[in-house]
């Protein structure tokens, strides 16, 4: 599942993610383009695996400028 779809599935998720990471909801809104690589594993765990690593990468159809950050490998998750 894509992060944007997960965020939109229930009201309040943007705020909850922001609080979890100690950020503002506005900062999480920027993650709709691409989740920072340093936050991917923790976000994957926070969503209980609902958001996969590919769902955190930029999408060319949404104006992404290329492949974006490489998702961490599954080992050690």
PDB file of N, CA and C in Angstrom:
ATOM      1  N   UNK A   1       0.848  -1.176   0.000  1.00  0.00           N
ATOM      2  CA  UNK A   1       0.000   0.000   0.000  1.00  0.00           C
ATOM      3  C   UNK A   1       0.896   1.242   0.000  1.00  0.00           C
ATOM      4  N   UNK A   2       0.419   2.256  -0.689  1.00  0.00           N
ATOM      5  CA  UNK A   2       1.163   3.520  -0.726  1.00  0.00           C
ATOM      6  C   UNK A   2       0.893   4.312   0.551  1.00  0.00           C
ATOM      7  N   UNK A   3       1.895   5.057   0.982  1.00  0.00           N
ATOM      8  CA  UNK A   3       1.779   5.857   2.198  1.00  0.00           C
ATOM      9  C   UNK A   3       0.627   6.849   2.088  1.00  0.00           C
ATOM     10  N   UNK A   4       0.478   7.471   0.935  1.00  0.00           N
ATOM     11  CA  UNK A   4      -0.602   8.449   0.768  1.00  0.00           C
ATOM     12  C   UNK A   4      -1.973   7.793   0.941  1.00  0.00           C
ATOM     13  N   UNK A   5      -2.131   6.587   0.415  1.00  0.00           N
ATOM     14  CA  UNK A   5      -3.404   5.875   0.560  1.00  0.00           C
ATOM     15  C   UNK A   5      -3.666   5.529   2.025  1.00  0.00           C
ATOM     16  N   UNK A   6      -2.613   5.100   2.721  1.00  0.00           N
ATOM     17  CA  UNK A   6      -2.746   4.770   4.142  1.00  0.00           C
ATOM     18  C   UNK A   6      -3.137   6.009   4.944  1.00  0.00           C
ATOM     19  N   UNK A   7      -2.482   7.144   4.663  1.00  0.00           N
ATOM     20  CA  UNK A   7      -2.807   8.385   5.373  1.00  0.00           C
ATOM     21  C   UNK A   7      -4.266   8.776   5.166  1.00  0.00           C
ATOM     22  N   UNK A   8      -4.753   8.620   3.953  1.00  0.00           N
ATOM     23  CA  UNK A   8      -6.105   9.056   3.608  1.00  0.00           C
ATOM     24  C   UNK A   8      -7.195   8.080   4.064  1.00  0.00           C
ATOM     25  N   UNK A   9      -6.807   6.869   4.464  1.00  0.00           N
ATOM     26  CA  UNK A   9      -7.790   5.841   4.809  1.00  0.00           C
ATOM     27  C   UNK A   9      -8.566   6.155   6.089  1.00  0.00           C
ATOM     28  N   UNK A  10      -7.951   6.887   7.016  1.00  0.00           N
ATOM     29  CA  UNK A  10      -8.624   7.227   8.273  1.00  0.00           C
ATOM     30  C   UNK A  10      -8.261   8.641   8.694  1.00  0.00           C
ATOM     31  N   UNK A  11      -9.236   9.405   9.166  1.00  0.00           N
ATOM     32  CA  UNK A  11      -8.935  10.754   9.653  1.00  0.00           C
ATOM     33  C   UNK A  11      -7.975  10.695  10.846  1.00  0.00           C
ATOM     34  N   UNK A  12      -7.094  11.676  10.911  1.00  0.00           N
ATOM     35  CA  UNK A  12      -6.190  11.784  12.046  1.00  0.00           C
ATOM     36  C   UNK A  12      -4.857  11.081  11.897  1.00  0.00           C
ATOM     37  N   UNK A  13      -4.681  10.329  10.832  1.00  0.00           N
ATOM     38  CA  UNK A  13      -3.419   9.602  10.680  1.00  0.00           C
ATOM     39  C   UNK A  13      -2.235  10.534  10.459  1.00  0.00           C
ATOM     40  N   UNK A  14      -2.437  11.596   9.704  1.00  0.00           N
ATOM     41  CA  UNK A  14      -1.348  12.546   9.469  1.00  0.00           C
ATOM     42  C   UNK A  14      -0.839  13.094  10.808  1.00  0.00           C
ATOM     43  N   UNK A  15      -1.769  13.496  11.661  1.00  0.00           N
ATOM     44  CA  UNK A  15      -1.413  14.039  12.977  1.00  0.00           C
ATOM     45  C   UNK A  15      -0.754  12.972  13.846  1.00  0.00           C
ATOM     46  N   UNK A  16      -1.262  11.759  13.813  1.00  0.00           N
ATOM     47  CA  UNK A  16      -0.699  10.676  14.624  1.00  0.00           C
ATOM     48  C   UNK A  16       0.738  10.357  14.211  1.00  0.00           C
ATOM     49  N   UNK A  17       0.996  10.328  12.912  1.00  0.00           N
ATOM     50  CA  UNK A  17       2.357  10.072  12.425  1.00  0.00           C
ATOM     51  C   UNK A  17       3.270  11.213  12.846  1.00  0.00           C
ATOM     52  N   UNK A  18       2.779  12.431  12.726  1.00  0.00           N
ATOM     53  CA  UNK A  18       3.577  13.594  13.130  1.00  0.00           C
ATOM     54  C   UNK A  18       3.948  13.507  14.607  1.00  0.00           C
ATOM     55  N   UNK A  19       2.988  13.184  15.444  1.00  0.00           N
ATOM     56  CA  UNK A  19       3.259  13.069  16.878  1.00  0.00           C
ATOM     57  C   UNK A  19       4.247  11.942  17.163  1.00  0.00           C
ATOM     58  N   UNK A  20       4.104  10.824  16.472  1.00  0.00           N
ATOM     59  CA  UNK A  20       5.005   9.689  16.674  1.00  0.00           C
ATOM     60  C   UNK A  20       6.457  10.079  16.399  1.00  0.00           C
ATOM     61  N   UNK A  21       6.670  10.826  15.330  1.00  0.00           N
ATOM     62  CA  UNK A  21       8.027  11.199  14.933  1.00  0.00           C
ATOM     63  C   UNK A  21       8.484  12.530  15.538  1.00  0.00           C
ATOM     64  N   UNK A  22       7.611  13.193  16.289  1.00  0.00           N
ATOM     65  CA  UNK A  22       7.975  14.476  16.882  1.00  0.00           C
ATOM     66  C   UNK A  22       8.094  15.584  15.851  1.00  0.00           C
ATOM     67  N   UNK A  23       7.236  15.516  14.840  1.00  0.00           N
ATOM     68  CA  UNK A  23       7.240  16.490  13.752  1.00  0.00           C
ATOM     69  C   UNK A  23       5.883  17.179  13.675  1.00  0.00           C
ATOM     70  N   UNK A  24       5.789  18.152  12.791  1.00  0.00           N
ATOM     71  CA  UNK A  24       4.510  18.818  12.567  1.00  0.00           C
ATOM     72  C   UNK A  24       3.719  18.058  11.501  1.00  0.00           C
ATOM     73  N   UNK A  25       2.394  18.167  11.522  1.00  0.00           N
ATOM     74  CA  UNK A  25       1.603  17.556  10.452  1.00  0.00           C
ATOM     75  C   UNK A  25       2.023  18.058   9.066  1.00  0.00           C
ATOM     76  N   UNK A  26       2.453  19.310   8.991  1.00  0.00           N
ATOM     77  CA  UNK A  26       2.917  19.858   7.716  1.00  0.00           C
ATOM     78  C   UNK A  26       4.131  19.095   7.189  1.00  0.00           C
ATOM     79  N   UNK A  27       5.025  18.715   8.081  1.00  0.00           N
ATOM     80  CA  UNK A  27       6.205  17.947   7.663  1.00  0.00           C
ATOM     81  C   UNK A  27       5.787  16.597   7.083  1.00  0.00           C
ATOM     82  N   UNK A  28       4.797  15.969   7.702  1.00  0.00           N
ATOM     83  CA  UNK A  28       4.333  14.668   7.210  1.00  0.00           C
ATOM     84  C   UNK A  28       3.659  14.831   5.851  1.00  0.00           C
ATOM     85  N   UNK A  29       2.992  15.945   5.634  1.00  0.00           N
ATOM     86  CA  UNK A  29       2.392  16.202   4.324  1.00  0.00           C
ATOM     87  C   UNK A  29       3.453  16.167   3.233  1.00  0.00           C
ATOM     88  N   UNK A  30       4.647  16.647   3.518  1.00  0.00           N
ATOM     89  CA  UNK A  30       5.739  16.595   2.541  1.00  0.00           C
ATOM     90  C   UNK A  30       6.169  15.160   2.248  1.00  0.00           C
ATOM     91  N   UNK A  31       5.947  14.264   3.182  1.00  0.00           N
ATOM     92  CA  UNK A  31       6.298  12.859   2.976  1.00  0.00           C
ATOM     93  C   UNK A  31       5.409  12.208   1.925  1.00  0.00           C
ATOM     94  N   UNK A  32       4.316  12.864   1.534  1.00  0.00           N
ATOM     95  CA  UNK A  32       3.467  12.296   0.484  1.00  0.00           C
ATOM     96  C   UNK A  32       4.250  12.141  -0.820  1.00  0.00           C
ATOM     97  N   UNK A  33       5.246  12.980  -1.031  1.00  0.00           N
ATOM     98  CA  UNK A  33       6.095  12.855  -2.228  1.00  0.00           C
ATOM     99  C   UNK A  33       7.033  11.670  -2.096  1.00  0.00           C
ATOM    100  N   UNK A  34       7.699  11.589  -0.948  1.00  0.00           N
ATOM    101  CA  UNK A  34       8.611  10.481  -0.657  1.00  0.00           C
ATOM    102  C   UNK A  34       8.968  10.542   0.819  1.00  0.00           C
ATOM    103  N   UNK A  35       8.930   9.397   1.473  1.00  0.00           N
ATOM    104  CA  UNK A  35       9.305   9.308   2.883  1.00  0.00           C
ATOM    105  C   UNK A  35      10.828   9.333   2.966  1.00  0.00           C
ATOM    106  N   UNK A  36      11.390  10.114   3.886  1.00  0.00           N
ATOM    107  CA  UNK A  36      12.845  10.111   4.036  1.00  0.00           C
ATOM    108  C   UNK A  36      13.353   8.692   4.332  1.00  0.00           C
ATOM    109  N   UNK A  37      14.418   8.325   3.680  1.00  0.00           N
ATOM    110  CA  UNK A  37      14.950   6.968   3.825  1.00  0.00           C
ATOM    111  C   UNK A  37      15.205   6.614   5.291  1.00  0.00           C
ATOM    112  N   UNK A  38      15.668   7.584   6.055  1.00  0.00           N
ATOM    113  CA  UNK A  38      15.984   7.327   7.462  1.00  0.00           C
ATOM    114  C   UNK A  38      14.745   7.007   8.300  1.00  0.00           C
ATOM    115  N   UNK A  39      13.563   7.257   7.761  1.00  0.00           N
ATOM    116  CA  UNK A  39      12.313   7.027   8.506  1.00  0.00           C
ATOM    117  C   UNK A  39      11.524   5.819   7.995  1.00  0.00           C
ATOM    118  N   UNK A  40      11.975   5.202   6.913  1.00  0.00           N
ATOM    119  CA  UNK A  40      11.188   4.154   6.269  1.00  0.00           C
ATOM    120  C   UNK A  40      10.925   2.942   7.160  1.00  0.00           C
ATOM    121  N   UNK A  41      11.943   2.424   7.788  1.00  0.00           N
ATOM    122  CA  UNK A  41      11.736   1.217   8.604  1.00  0.00           C
ATOM    123  C   UNK A  41      10.778   1.479   9.758  1.00  0.00           C
ATOM    124  N   UNK A  42      10.955   2.618  10.415  1.00  0.00           N
ATOM    125  CA  UNK A  42      10.081   2.935  11.546  1.00  0.00           C
ATOM    126  C   UNK A  42       8.647   3.166  11.079  1.00  0.00           C
ATOM    127  N   UNK A  43       8.476   3.800   9.925  1.00  0.00           N
ATOM    128  CA  UNK A  43       7.129   4.013   9.391  1.00  0.00           C
ATOM    129  C   UNK A  43       6.495   2.683   8.998  1.00  0.00           C
ATOM    130  N   UNK A  44       7.283   1.796   8.418  1.00  0.00           N
ATOM    131  CA  UNK A  44       6.795   0.461   8.061  1.00  0.00           C
ATOM    132  C   UNK A  44       6.269  -0.247   9.315  1.00  0.00           C
ATOM    133  N   UNK A  45       7.029  -0.153  10.408  1.00  0.00           N
ATOM    134  CA  UNK A  45       6.609  -0.769  11.668  1.00  0.00           C
ATOM    135  C   UNK A  45       5.377  -0.067  12.245  1.00  0.00           C
ATOM    136  N   UNK A  46       5.364   1.256  12.197  1.00  0.00           N
ATOM    137  CA  UNK A  46       4.233   2.024  12.728  1.00  0.00           C
ATOM    138  C   UNK A  46       2.931   1.641  12.036  1.00  0.00           C
ATOM    139  N   UNK A  47       2.999   1.397  10.747  1.00  0.00           N
ATOM    140  CA  UNK A  47       1.799   1.036   9.983  1.00  0.00           C
ATOM    141  C   UNK A  47       1.534  -0.470  10.023  1.00  0.00           C
ATOM    142  N   UNK A  48       2.293  -1.171  10.853  1.00  0.00           N
ATOM    143  CA  UNK A  48       2.172  -2.624  10.999  1.00  0.00           C
ATOM    144  C   UNK A  48       2.302  -3.329   9.660  1.00  0.00           C
ATOM    145  N   UNK A  49       3.206  -2.806   8.832  1.00  0.00           N
ATOM    146  CA  UNK A  49       3.490  -3.411   7.536  1.00  0.00           C
ATOM    147  C   UNK A  49       2.499  -3.063   6.442  1.00  0.00           C
ATOM    148  N   UNK A  50       1.486  -2.268   6.761  1.00  0.00           N
ATOM    149  CA  UNK A  50       0.479  -1.922   5.749  1.00  0.00           C
ATOM    150  C   UNK A  50       1.091  -1.122   4.608  1.00  0.00           C
ATOM    151  N   UNK A  51       2.045  -0.249   4.942  1.00  0.00           N
ATOM    152  CA  UNK A  51       2.737   0.530   3.916  1.00  0.00           C
ATOM    153  C   UNK A  51       4.045  -0.180   3.613  1.00  0.00           C
ATOM    154  N   UNK A  52       4.186  -0.646   2.378  1.00  0.00           N
ATOM    155  CA  UNK A  52       5.434  -1.313   2.009  1.00  0.00           C
ATOM    156  C   UNK A  52       6.457  -0.272   1.570  1.00  0.00           C
ATOM    157  N   UNK A  53       7.707  -0.702   1.451  1.00  0.00           N
ATOM    158  CA  UNK A  53       8.772   0.244   1.132  1.00  0.00           C
ATOM    159  C   UNK A  53       8.556   0.906  -0.230  1.00  0.00           C
ATOM    160  N   UNK A  54       8.061   0.165  -1.198  1.00  0.00           N
ATOM    161  CA  UNK A  54       7.797   0.750  -2.515  1.00  0.00           C
ATOM    162  C   UNK A  54       6.733   1.844  -2.420  1.00  0.00           C
ATOM    163  N   UNK A  55       5.816   1.713  -1.481  1.00  0.00           N
ATOM    164  CA  UNK A  55       4.761   2.697  -1.290  1.00  0.00           C
ATOM    165  C   UNK A  55       5.225   3.982  -0.627  1.00  0.00           C
ATOM    166  N   UNK A  56       6.502   4.014  -0.240  1.00  0.00           N
ATOM    167  CA  UNK A  56       7.071   5.214   0.378  1.00  0.00           C
ATOM    168  C   UNK A  56       7.947   5.993  -0.593  1.00  0.00           C
ATOM    169  N   UNK A  57       8.186   5.417  -1.756  1.00  0.00           N
ATOM    170  CA  UNK A  57       9.056   6.044  -2.753  1.00  0.00           C
ATOM    171  C   UNK A  57       8.266   6.996  -3.636  1.00  0.00           C
ATOM    172  N   UNK A  58       8.959   7.959  -4.267  1.00  0.00           N
ATOM    173  CA  UNK A  58       8.248   8.882  -5.158  1.00  0.00           C
ATOM    174  C   UNK A  58       7.678   8.145  -6.361  1.00  0.00           C
ATOM    175  N   UNK A  59       6.540   8.608  -6.800  1.00  0.00           N
ATOM    176  CA  UNK A  59       5.891   8.034  -7.970  1.00  0.00           C
ATOM    177  C   UNK A  59       6.076   8.975  -9.147  1.00  0.00           C
ATOM    178  N   UNK A  60       6.536   8.446 -10.264  1.00  0.00           N
ATOM    179  CA  UNK A  60       6.702   9.286 -11.458  1.00  0.00           C
ATOM    180  C   UNK A  60       5.371   9.871 -11.902  1.00  0.00           C
ATOM    181  N   UNK A  61       4.288   9.135 -11.678  1.00  0.00           N
ATOM    182  CA  UNK A  61       2.976   9.641 -12.084  1.00  0.00           C
ATOM    183  C   UNK A  61       2.540  10.823 -11.225  1.00  0.00           C
ATOM    184  N   UNK A  62       3.171  10.997 -10.054  1.00  0.00           N
ATOM    185  CA  UNK A  62       2.858  12.130  -9.195  1.00  0.00           C
ATOM    186  C   UNK A  62       3.905  13.220  -9.341  1.00  0.00           C
ATOM    187  N   UNK A  63       4.713  13.159 -10.387  1.00  0.00           N
ATOM    188  CA  UNK A  63       5.697  14.203 -10.607  1.00  0.00           C
ATOM    189  C   UNK A  63       7.031  13.944  -9.950  1.00  0.00           C
ATOM    190  N   UNK A  64       7.281  12.712  -9.541  1.00  0.00           N
ATOM    191  CA  UNK A  64       8.579  12.381  -8.960  1.00  0.00           C
ATOM    192  C   UNK A  64       9.681  12.621  -9.969  1.00  0.00           C
ATOM    193  N   UNK A  65      10.856  12.925  -9.501  1.00  0.00           N
ATOM    194  CA  UNK A  65      11.947  13.280 -10.405  1.00  0.00           C
ATOM    195  C   UNK A  65      12.919  12.136 -10.618  1.00  0.00           C
ATOM    196  N   UNK A  66      12.443  10.927 -10.559  1.00  0.00           N
ATOM    197  CA  UNK A  66      13.334   9.799 -10.774  1.00  0.00           C
ATOM    198  C   UNK A  66      13.028   8.701  -9.781  1.00  0.00           C
ATOM    199  N   UNK A  67      13.942   7.760  -9.688  1.00  0.00           N
ATOM    200  CA  UNK A  67      13.672   6.614  -8.841  1.00  0.00           C
ATOM    201  C   UNK A  67      13.659   6.925  -7.352  1.00  0.00           C
ATOM    202  N   UNK A  68      14.263   8.022  -6.930  1.00  0.00           N
ATOM    203  CA  UNK A  68      14.245   8.400  -5.523  1.00  0.00           C
ATOM    204  C   UNK A  68      15.150   7.529  -4.688  1.00  0.00           C
ATOM    205  N   UNK A  69      14.966   7.565  -3.384  1.00  0.00           N
ATOM    206  CA  UNK A  69      15.846   6.808  -2.505  1.00  0.00           C
ATOM    207  C   UNK A  69      15.601   5.322  -2.630  1.00  0.00           C
ATOM    208  N   UNK A  70      16.654   4.557  -2.466  1.00  0.00           N
ATOM    209  CA  UNK A  70      16.536   3.113  -2.533  1.00  0.00           C
ATOM    210  C   UNK A  70      15.898   2.619  -1.243  1.00  0.00           C
ATOM    211  N   UNK A  71      14.923   1.742  -1.365  1.00  0.00           N
ATOM    212  CA  UNK A  71      14.286   1.177  -0.186  1.00  0.00           C
ATOM    213  C   UNK A  71      15.264   0.251   0.515  1.00  0.00           C
ATOM    214  N   UNK A  72      15.232   0.217   1.846  1.00  0.00           N
ATOM    215  CA  UNK A  72      16.122  -0.700   2.550  1.00  0.00           C
ATOM    216  C   UNK A  72      15.754  -2.129   2.216  1.00  0.00           C
ATOM    217  N   UNK A  73      16.751  -3.011   2.225  1.00  0.00           N
ATOM    218  CA  UNK A  73      16.448  -4.403   1.927  1.00  0.00           C
ATOM    219  C   UNK A  73      15.660  -5.004   3.082  1.00  0.00           C
ATOM    220  N   UNK A  74      14.982  -6.085   2.813  1.00  0.00           N
ATOM    221  CA  UNK A  74      14.091  -6.688   3.799  1.00  0.00           C
ATOM    222  C   UNK A  74      14.858  -7.287   4.971  1.00  0.00           C
ATOM    223  N   UNK A  75      16.101  -7.653   4.779  1.00  0.00           N
ATOM    224  CA  UNK A  75      16.886  -8.244   5.854  1.00  0.00           C
ATOM    225  C   UNK A  75      17.052  -7.234   6.983  1.00  0.00           C
ATOM    226  N   UNK A  76      16.817  -7.651   8.181  1.00  0.00           N
ATOM    227  CA  UNK A  76      16.988  -6.781   9.333  1.00  0.00           C
ATOM    228  C   UNK A  76      15.779  -5.941   9.662  1.00  0.00           C
ATOM    229  N   UNK A  77      14.661  -6.155   8.960  1.00  0.00           N
ATOM    230  CA  UNK A  77      13.446  -5.384   9.264  1.00  0.00           C
ATOM    231  C   UNK A  77      12.779  -5.927  10.492  1.00  0.00           C
TER     232      UNK A  77
END
